[in-house]
Amino acid sequence: MIWNPFLWRTARRIETAYRRQQRDEPTPDLPWSAWQRLSDAVRLGSLADRRDWRHACEQRWRQADGEFDLLLSDLRALRHGLQLRRRTKLPQLVDLYAELVAAHEEFDGLAVDDSEIYVTTEPVTLEGVYLGPFEIRLNLVRLDEQEPYRIVAIEPHPAQTSSETTHPHVHYEKLCLGDGKAPVAAALAEGRLYDLFQLLRQILLTYGEGSAYVPLEAWHGTPCGECDATVDEDDLYLCRGCETSLCGDCVRVCDCGAAHCHDCATSCSSCEETTCSRCLTACELCESEFCANCLTGEGLCHACQEAAEEERLAEERAAEEAEDAADEQFIAAESESEVHAVRLGEALVSPRPRHHRNRPLRNLGRRRSAAP
């Protein structure tokens, strides 16, 4: 082993950090309150189940799931604290130096930045998605914490839906360990830094779909706001009303080209075709909103237009009937006058216009004026 003064000084810093951590270790408490909350939720859920209170039963079991997760978190913290207190001896300086030398050779270098030591992984590619290399940074001041490390992307290729998710299992530089939590905690507690860096790198090189913050199949896409399907940027629609991202199956497009989601879309009162509020016009009579195809040139919907035409025809028919009634009344009056004239022995003269009765006088005047 070639002597490396830099790594030796770094090992001394880590040894000091471990000793300081042991002095500051708090006495872990049993999570009695979390256990009691879980017990109450399970008891009430069982009671609601026996009495067939479905809504209450669902609420209580949902509460029990949340309390169970909190209890597991408290138990992990308790185990971590007990592991720290149960440790009979601190990592030795020579052992820490050997761990750093092994990590330095494995990762082609180990660096120190203020209170952090870190190594750099090779570029990570998961199922054809290039994510780039990562730095695994261990904070020497926070060795008493459960996760005193962070994962930093050197060439960030984040998910399109979350700029802070640089890896399916890394969100805001925190790594989701999954099943690797226990071995990582053990390696950290025992000062096996080479194993610690190796375990964290292996998690970065492994894809677990169930524990991913963003699935790889949705890495370069955007989820639809209604059906959650992943949509490529070229096939994405944006709702004009609320700016929700929509896929082609969920979008509702107006004739003017405007896209809308289900909540923002409107429809014509007649044909029920999807349209936007800008393309609807209120009927001047019923004031319901219609598209341009369902309004007449007079600004009326078809129903109101038919009603207006029927009213107009009814008025014309009434006028004709009134005129016919007046004519019949006039004829009846004339017939009655003729009957009276016959009874009195008078000659029956058919009524003629006045200009017909004066025609012989006018003709005589024309002959006299034409004589020499």
Protein backbone atom coordinates (compact mmCIF):
# COMPACT_ATOMS: atom_id res chain seq x y z
CA MET A 1 0.00 0.00 0.00
CA ILE A 2 1.45 3.36 -1.07
CA TRP A 3 1.42 5.92 1.72
CA ASN A 4 -1.03 8.78 1.09
CA PRO A 5 -0.72 11.66 3.57
CA PHE A 6 -3.93 13.27 2.31
CA LEU A 7 -5.97 10.13 3.01
CA TRP A 8 -4.31 9.75 6.41
CA ARG A 9 -5.33 13.28 7.42
CA THR A 10 -8.82 12.59 6.16
CA ALA A 11 -8.97 9.37 8.23
CA ARG A 12 -8.00 11.35 11.34
CA ARG A 13 -10.84 13.82 10.66
CA ILE A 14 -13.30 10.93 10.33
CA GLU A 15 -12.04 9.33 13.55
CA THR A 16 -12.55 12.61 15.40
CA ALA A 17 -16.08 12.88 13.96
CA TYR A 18 -16.94 9.36 15.18
CA ARG A 19 -15.62 10.13 18.69
CA ARG A 20 -17.61 13.35 18.84
CA GLN A 21 -20.70 11.51 17.69
CA GLN A 22 -20.35 8.90 20.45
CA ARG A 23 -20.19 11.58 23.13
CA ASP A 24 -23.29 13.30 21.77
CA GLU A 25 -25.39 10.17 21.32
CA PRO A 26 -28.82 10.63 22.91
CA THR A 27 -30.54 7.86 24.81
CA PRO A 28 -33.14 6.41 22.42
CA ASP A 29 -36.76 6.28 23.58
CA LEU A 30 -39.23 3.54 22.77
CA PRO A 31 -41.98 4.74 20.38
CA TRP A 32 -44.82 4.15 22.84
CA SER A 33 -46.98 7.02 21.55
CA ALA A 34 -46.73 5.79 17.94
CA TRP A 35 -47.63 2.27 19.07
CA GLN A 36 -50.63 3.56 21.03
CA ARG A 37 -51.92 5.56 18.05
CA LEU A 38 -51.59 2.50 15.81
CA SER A 39 -53.39 0.32 18.38
CA ASP A 40 -56.27 2.81 18.66
CA ALA A 41 -56.64 3.02 14.88
CA VAL A 42 -56.67 -0.79 14.52
CA ARG A 43 -59.20 -1.17 17.37
CA LEU A 44 -61.56 1.43 15.90
CA GLY A 45 -61.14 -0.01 12.40
CA SER A 46 -62.07 -3.50 13.66
CA LEU A 47 -65.09 -2.09 15.48
CA ALA A 48 -66.32 -0.28 12.37
CA ASP A 49 -65.74 -3.45 10.33
CA ARG A 50 -67.84 -5.57 12.70
CA ARG A 51 -70.70 -3.06 12.60
CA ASP A 52 -70.47 -2.71 8.83
CA TRP A 53 -69.77 1.03 8.93
CA ARG A 54 -68.06 1.08 5.57
CA HIS A 55 -67.10 4.73 5.41
CA ALA A 56 -65.78 4.81 8.97
CA CYS A 57 -64.01 1.49 8.40
CA GLU A 58 -62.21 2.80 5.33
CA GLN A 59 -61.13 5.96 7.17
CA ARG A 60 -59.82 4.06 10.19
CA TRP A 61 -57.83 1.55 8.15
CA ARG A 62 -56.36 4.38 6.11
CA GLN A 63 -55.36 6.06 9.38
CA ALA A 64 -53.88 2.76 10.58
CA ASP A 65 -51.72 2.53 7.45
CA GLY A 66 -50.31 6.00 8.12
CA GLU A 67 -49.67 5.26 11.79
CA PHE A 68 -47.98 2.00 10.83
CA ASP A 69 -45.57 3.85 8.52
CA LEU A 70 -44.78 6.34 11.31
CA LEU A 71 -44.16 3.50 13.76
CA LEU A 72 -41.79 1.81 11.31
CA SER A 73 -39.88 5.07 10.90
CA ASP A 74 -39.58 5.44 14.68
CA LEU A 75 -38.45 1.84 15.01
CA ARG A 76 -35.75 2.35 12.39
CA ALA A 77 -34.52 5.41 14.27
CA LEU A 78 -34.54 3.40 17.49
CA ARG A 79 -32.54 0.58 15.92
CA HIS A 80 -30.03 3.05 14.54
CA GLY A 81 -29.62 4.63 17.95
CA LEU A 82 -29.23 1.26 19.66
CA GLN A 83 -26.64 0.18 17.11
CA LEU A 84 -24.62 3.29 17.86
CA ARG A 85 -24.79 2.76 21.61
CA ARG A 86 -24.15 -0.98 21.35
CA ARG A 87 -20.92 -0.45 19.48
CA THR A 88 -18.12 -1.48 21.86
CA LYS A 89 -15.35 0.32 20.05
CA LEU A 90 -14.97 3.09 17.56
CA PRO A 91 -13.46 2.51 14.12
CA GLN A 92 -9.70 2.56 14.44
CA LEU A 93 -7.64 5.14 12.59
CA VAL A 94 -5.71 2.53 10.63
CA ASP A 95 -8.95 0.82 9.59
CA LEU A 96 -10.47 4.11 8.43
CA TYR A 97 -7.31 4.83 6.43
CA ALA A 98 -7.55 1.40 4.73
CA GLU A 99 -11.21 2.07 3.87
CA LEU A 100 -10.34 5.41 2.29
CA VAL A 101 -7.48 3.88 0.27
CA ALA A 102 -9.82 1.18 -1.07
CA ALA A 103 -12.48 3.76 -1.97
CA HIS A 104 -9.83 5.98 -3.59
CA GLU A 105 -8.69 3.13 -5.84
CA GLU A 106 -12.20 1.88 -6.64
CA PHE A 107 -13.64 5.27 -7.62
CA ASP A 108 -10.50 6.72 -9.22
CA GLY A 109 -10.14 9.31 -6.50
CA LEU A 110 -11.63 10.59 -3.27
CA ALA A 111 -12.01 14.27 -2.49
CA VAL A 112 -12.74 16.44 0.54
CA ASP A 113 -14.87 19.57 0.41
CA ASP A 114 -15.24 21.45 3.70
CA SER A 115 -17.00 18.93 5.95
CA GLU A 116 -17.80 16.40 3.23
CA ILE A 117 -15.81 13.58 1.67
CA TYR A 118 -17.07 12.28 -1.64
CA VAL A 119 -16.47 9.90 -4.51
CA THR A 120 -17.74 10.08 -8.08
CA THR A 121 -19.54 7.25 -9.84
CA GLU A 122 -19.32 6.35 -13.50
CA PRO A 123 -22.10 7.69 -15.78
CA VAL A 124 -25.37 5.96 -14.95
CA THR A 125 -27.71 4.69 -17.68
CA LEU A 126 -30.90 2.87 -16.71
CA GLU A 127 -33.01 1.12 -19.37
CA GLY A 128 -31.69 3.41 -22.09
CA VAL A 129 -32.16 6.63 -20.07
CA TYR A 130 -28.85 8.48 -19.59
CA LEU A 131 -28.61 10.10 -16.14
CA GLY A 132 -24.91 10.99 -15.98
CA PRO A 133 -22.39 10.55 -13.14
CA PHE A 134 -23.15 11.27 -9.49
CA GLU A 135 -21.19 12.38 -6.45
CA ILE A 136 -21.77 10.44 -3.21
CA ARG A 137 -21.08 13.00 -0.47
CA LEU A 138 -20.68 11.98 3.19
CA ASN A 139 -21.04 14.77 5.75
CA LEU A 140 -18.65 14.21 8.68
CA VAL A 141 -20.58 16.62 10.91
CA ARG A 142 -23.81 14.64 10.54
CA LEU A 143 -22.55 11.12 11.21
CA ASP A 144 -25.05 10.81 14.06
CA GLU A 145 -27.97 11.11 11.60
CA GLN A 146 -29.57 8.20 9.77
CA GLU A 147 -28.64 9.51 6.32
CA PRO A 148 -25.65 11.85 6.58
CA TYR A 149 -25.02 11.66 2.85
CA ARG A 150 -26.44 13.23 -0.28
CA ILE A 151 -26.39 12.32 -3.97
CA VAL A 152 -25.40 15.16 -6.32
CA ALA A 153 -25.80 14.89 -10.10
CA ILE A 154 -22.74 16.27 -11.89
CA GLU A 155 -24.46 16.41 -15.31
CA PRO A 156 -28.12 16.65 -14.32
CA HIS A 157 -30.62 14.98 -16.62
CA PRO A 158 -33.72 15.35 -14.43
CA ALA A 159 -37.18 14.06 -15.13
CA GLN A 160 -39.20 16.37 -17.31
CA THR A 161 -41.92 16.56 -14.67
CA SER A 162 -39.57 17.28 -11.74
CA SER A 163 -36.32 19.21 -12.01
CA GLU A 164 -35.31 18.04 -8.52
CA THR A 165 -35.55 14.35 -9.44
CA THR A 166 -32.17 13.58 -11.02
CA HIS A 167 -32.51 9.81 -10.67
CA PRO A 168 -35.60 7.58 -10.28
CA HIS A 169 -34.51 7.08 -6.64
CA VAL A 170 -33.02 10.53 -5.95
CA HIS A 171 -35.21 13.49 -5.03
CA TYR A 172 -33.75 16.72 -3.64
CA GLU A 173 -30.39 14.90 -3.35
CA LYS A 174 -31.91 12.27 -1.01
CA LEU A 175 -31.57 8.63 -2.04
CA CYS A 176 -34.43 6.18 -1.52
CA LEU A 177 -32.58 3.15 -0.13
CA GLY A 178 -35.38 0.59 -0.20
CA ASP A 179 -34.09 -2.78 0.98
CA GLY A 180 -30.56 -1.37 1.22
CA LYS A 181 -31.33 0.77 4.28
CA ALA A 182 -30.17 -1.78 6.87
CA PRO A 183 -26.80 -2.70 5.27
CA VAL A 184 -26.06 0.97 4.57
CA ALA A 185 -26.77 1.89 8.20
CA ALA A 186 -24.56 -0.96 9.43
CA ALA A 187 -21.65 0.01 7.19
CA LEU A 188 -21.92 3.63 8.33
CA ALA A 189 -22.07 2.69 12.02
CA GLU A 190 -19.02 0.42 11.77
CA GLY A 191 -16.93 2.87 9.75
CA ARG A 192 -16.83 0.64 6.66
CA LEU A 193 -16.71 3.59 4.29
CA TYR A 194 -15.67 1.56 1.26
CA ASP A 195 -18.72 -0.68 1.70
CA LEU A 196 -20.88 2.40 2.27
CA PHE A 197 -19.86 4.01 -1.02
CA GLN A 198 -20.19 0.70 -2.86
CA LEU A 199 -23.69 0.07 -1.53
CA LEU A 200 -24.87 3.57 -2.46
CA ARG A 201 -23.36 3.25 -5.94
CA GLN A 202 -25.09 -0.11 -6.44
CA ILE A 203 -28.44 1.44 -5.57
CA LEU A 204 -27.80 4.18 -8.15
CA LEU A 205 -27.05 1.52 -10.77
CA THR A 206 -30.27 -0.40 -9.99
CA TYR A 207 -33.80 0.52 -10.97
CA GLY A 208 -36.73 -0.46 -8.77
CA GLU A 209 -39.98 0.59 -10.42
CA GLY A 210 -42.07 0.37 -7.27
CA SER A 211 -39.86 2.75 -5.28
CA ALA A 212 -39.16 5.29 -8.03
CA TYR A 213 -40.06 8.94 -7.52
CA VAL A 214 -40.59 9.18 -11.30
CA PRO A 215 -40.77 5.98 -13.40
CA LEU A 216 -38.28 5.71 -16.22
CA GLU A 217 -41.05 5.34 -18.80
CA ALA A 218 -42.27 8.80 -17.79
CA TRP A 219 -38.81 10.37 -17.58
CA HIS A 220 -39.07 12.31 -20.84
CA GLY A 221 -42.83 12.80 -20.80
CA THR A 222 -45.55 14.72 -19.01
CA PRO A 223 -48.45 13.03 -17.20
CA CYS A 224 -51.94 13.87 -18.42
CA GLY A 225 -53.83 15.93 -15.85
CA GLU A 226 -56.93 13.75 -16.18
CA CYS A 227 -55.89 10.15 -16.85
CA ASP A 228 -52.20 10.30 -15.65
CA ALA A 229 -51.00 8.76 -18.90
CA THR A 230 -47.52 9.85 -19.99
CA VAL A 231 -47.57 12.20 -22.95
CA ASP A 232 -44.68 13.15 -25.21
CA GLU A 233 -44.09 16.87 -25.55
CA ASP A 234 -45.09 16.80 -29.23
CA ASP A 235 -48.46 15.19 -28.41
CA LEU A 236 -49.23 17.41 -25.44
CA TYR A 237 -52.21 19.77 -25.25
CA LEU A 238 -52.49 22.64 -22.79
CA CYS A 239 -55.90 23.67 -21.46
CA ARG A 240 -56.57 27.32 -22.28
CA GLY A 241 -58.56 27.75 -19.07
CA CYS A 242 -56.39 26.19 -16.33
CA GLU A 243 -53.20 25.24 -18.28
CA THR A 244 -53.52 21.56 -17.38
CA SER A 245 -51.48 19.16 -19.53
CA LEU A 246 -53.73 16.82 -21.51
CA CYS A 247 -53.31 13.81 -23.77
CA GLY A 248 -55.12 13.41 -27.07
CA ASP A 249 -57.81 11.18 -25.54
CA CYS A 250 -58.76 13.63 -22.78
CA VAL A 251 -58.52 16.96 -24.60
CA ARG A 252 -61.66 18.71 -25.89
CA VAL A 253 -60.95 20.93 -28.88
CA CYS A 254 -63.19 23.78 -30.08
CA ASP A 255 -63.67 24.60 -33.76
CA CYS A 256 -61.43 27.64 -33.23
CA GLY A 257 -58.59 25.29 -32.19
CA ALA A 258 -58.63 26.05 -28.46
CA ALA A 259 -57.98 23.04 -26.19
CA HIS A 260 -59.84 22.55 -22.93
CA CYS A 261 -60.00 20.00 -20.12
CA HIS A 262 -63.24 18.44 -18.94
CA ASP A 263 -63.85 21.09 -16.27
CA CYS A 264 -63.12 24.10 -18.50
CA ALA A 265 -64.87 22.91 -21.67
CA THR A 266 -68.40 24.06 -22.54
CA SER A 267 -70.86 22.82 -25.13
CA CYS A 268 -73.52 24.19 -27.45
CA SER A 269 -77.04 24.04 -26.00
CA SER A 270 -78.35 22.53 -29.24
CA CYS A 271 -75.79 20.25 -30.90
CA GLU A 272 -73.82 19.66 -27.64
CA GLU A 273 -70.53 19.92 -29.52
CA THR A 274 -67.53 20.93 -27.40
CA THR A 275 -66.66 24.58 -27.78
CA CYS A 276 -65.18 27.44 -25.81
CA SER A 277 -67.03 30.32 -24.21
CA ARG A 278 -65.60 32.74 -26.76
CA CYS A 279 -67.32 30.90 -29.60
CA LEU A 280 -70.76 30.82 -27.98
CA THR A 281 -73.46 33.46 -28.59
CA ALA A 282 -76.66 33.93 -26.61
CA CYS A 283 -80.00 33.64 -28.46
CA GLU A 284 -81.83 36.98 -28.44
CA LEU A 285 -85.03 35.36 -27.18
CA CYS A 286 -84.22 32.46 -24.86
CA GLU A 287 -80.68 33.73 -23.98
CA SER A 288 -79.23 30.21 -24.09
CA GLU A 289 -75.74 29.97 -25.61
CA PHE A 290 -75.24 28.36 -28.99
CA CYS A 291 -72.44 27.86 -31.50
CA ALA A 292 -72.45 29.72 -34.79
CA ASN A 293 -73.89 26.73 -36.67
CA CYS A 294 -76.94 26.61 -34.41
CA LEU A 295 -77.92 30.29 -34.75
CA THR A 296 -79.81 31.85 -37.67
CA GLY A 297 -78.94 35.11 -39.37
CA GLU A 298 -81.43 36.89 -37.14
CA GLY A 299 -79.51 35.89 -33.99
CA LEU A 300 -82.04 33.26 -32.94
CA CYS A 301 -81.69 29.57 -32.23
CA HIS A 302 -83.64 27.21 -34.47
CA ALA A 303 -86.34 26.61 -31.87
CA CYS A 304 -86.90 30.33 -31.31
CA GLN A 305 -86.78 30.96 -35.07
CA GLU A 306 -89.51 28.38 -35.68
CA ALA A 307 -91.59 29.86 -32.88
CA ALA A 308 -91.19 33.37 -34.34
CA GLU A 309 -92.20 32.16 -37.82
CA GLU A 310 -95.24 30.36 -36.43
CA GLU A 311 -96.25 33.54 -34.59
CA ARG A 312 -95.82 35.58 -37.77
CA LEU A 313 -97.92 33.13 -39.78
CA ALA A 314 -100.59 33.17 -37.10
CA GLU A 315 -100.75 36.96 -37.27
CA GLU A 316 -101.04 36.89 -41.09
CA ARG A 317 -103.74 34.22 -40.87
CA ALA A 318 -105.67 36.32 -38.35
CA ALA A 319 -105.42 39.39 -40.60
CA GLU A 320 -106.71 37.42 -43.60
CA GLU A 321 -109.58 36.04 -41.57
CA ALA A 322 -110.48 39.54 -40.40
CA GLU A 323 -110.40 40.81 -44.01
CA ASP A 324 -112.55 37.89 -45.17
CA ALA A 325 -115.02 38.60 -42.39
CA ALA A 326 -115.24 42.27 -43.45
CA ASP A 327 -115.88 41.26 -47.08
CA GLU A 328 -118.60 38.87 -46.06
CA GLN A 329 -120.18 41.54 -43.94
CA PHE A 330 -120.13 44.02 -46.87
CA ILE A 331 -121.68 41.47 -49.26
CA ALA A 332 -124.37 40.67 -46.74
CA ALA A 333 -125.21 44.36 -46.38
CA GLU A 334 -125.42 44.82 -50.19
CA SER A 335 -127.67 41.79 -50.55
CA GLU A 336 -129.97 43.12 -47.92
CA SER A 337 -130.30 46.51 -49.70
CA GLU A 338 -131.18 44.81 -53.01
CA VAL A 339 -133.92 42.83 -51.33
CA HIS A 340 -135.47 46.00 -49.96
CA ALA A 341 -135.40 47.65 -53.44
CA VAL A 342 -137.25 44.76 -55.11
CA ARG A 343 -139.93 44.85 -52.50
CA LEU A 344 -140.57 48.56 -53.21
CA GLY A 345 -140.97 48.00 -57.01
CA GLU A 346 -137.83 49.85 -57.91
CA ALA A 347 -135.59 48.83 -60.75
CA LEU A 348 -132.62 46.88 -59.72
CA VAL A 349 -129.48 48.75 -60.61
CA SER A 350 -126.28 47.02 -60.17
CA PRO A 351 -123.81 49.13 -58.28
CA ARG A 352 -121.07 50.46 -60.61
CA PRO A 353 -118.33 52.91 -60.08
CA ARG A 354 -119.26 56.56 -60.68
CA HIS A 355 -116.95 56.96 -63.65
CA HIS A 356 -118.88 54.21 -65.52
CA ARG A 357 -122.22 56.08 -65.10
CA ASN A 358 -120.78 59.37 -66.49
CA ARG A 359 -119.12 57.79 -69.54
CA PRO A 360 -121.96 58.82 -72.10
CA LEU A 361 -121.65 62.49 -71.09
CA ARG A 362 -117.93 62.44 -71.54
CA ASN A 363 -118.27 60.82 -75.00
CA LEU A 364 -120.82 63.52 -76.10
CA GLY A 365 -118.44 66.25 -75.02
CA ARG A 366 -115.63 64.72 -77.04
CA ARG A 367 -117.86 64.64 -80.27
CA ARG A 368 -118.88 68.27 -79.97
CA SER A 369 -115.35 69.45 -79.52
CA ALA A 370 -114.27 67.42 -82.56
CA ALA A 371 -117.01 68.93 -84.88
CA PRO A 372 -115.89 71.71 -87.32
